[in-house]
């Protein structure tokens, strides 16, 4: 399962994602955003939902290789048509 902020449901576009240590057994550690959420929005647990890998891949097949990435990985893109770029810090 993956955590997914609900704003993505509204516009259907993920433009920023990162993977951290999972905080539950069924959690992959991936956190996904449209990139338009502010801190107040992301800090509200009512705006988070858990979705399956199949749901994500149906919405955006470009995530297939990305979701295989290791903990500490982060990716971004400008819009749905843009290529994913690995974020290096």
Foldseek 3Di string as FASTA:
>chain_A
DEKEFQVCVVVLWWFKKAAADDPDPPYRRIYTDNPPDDPVSVVDPVRIDDDDPVVNCVSPVLCVVVSVDDHGWMWGADTNVGDIDTDDD
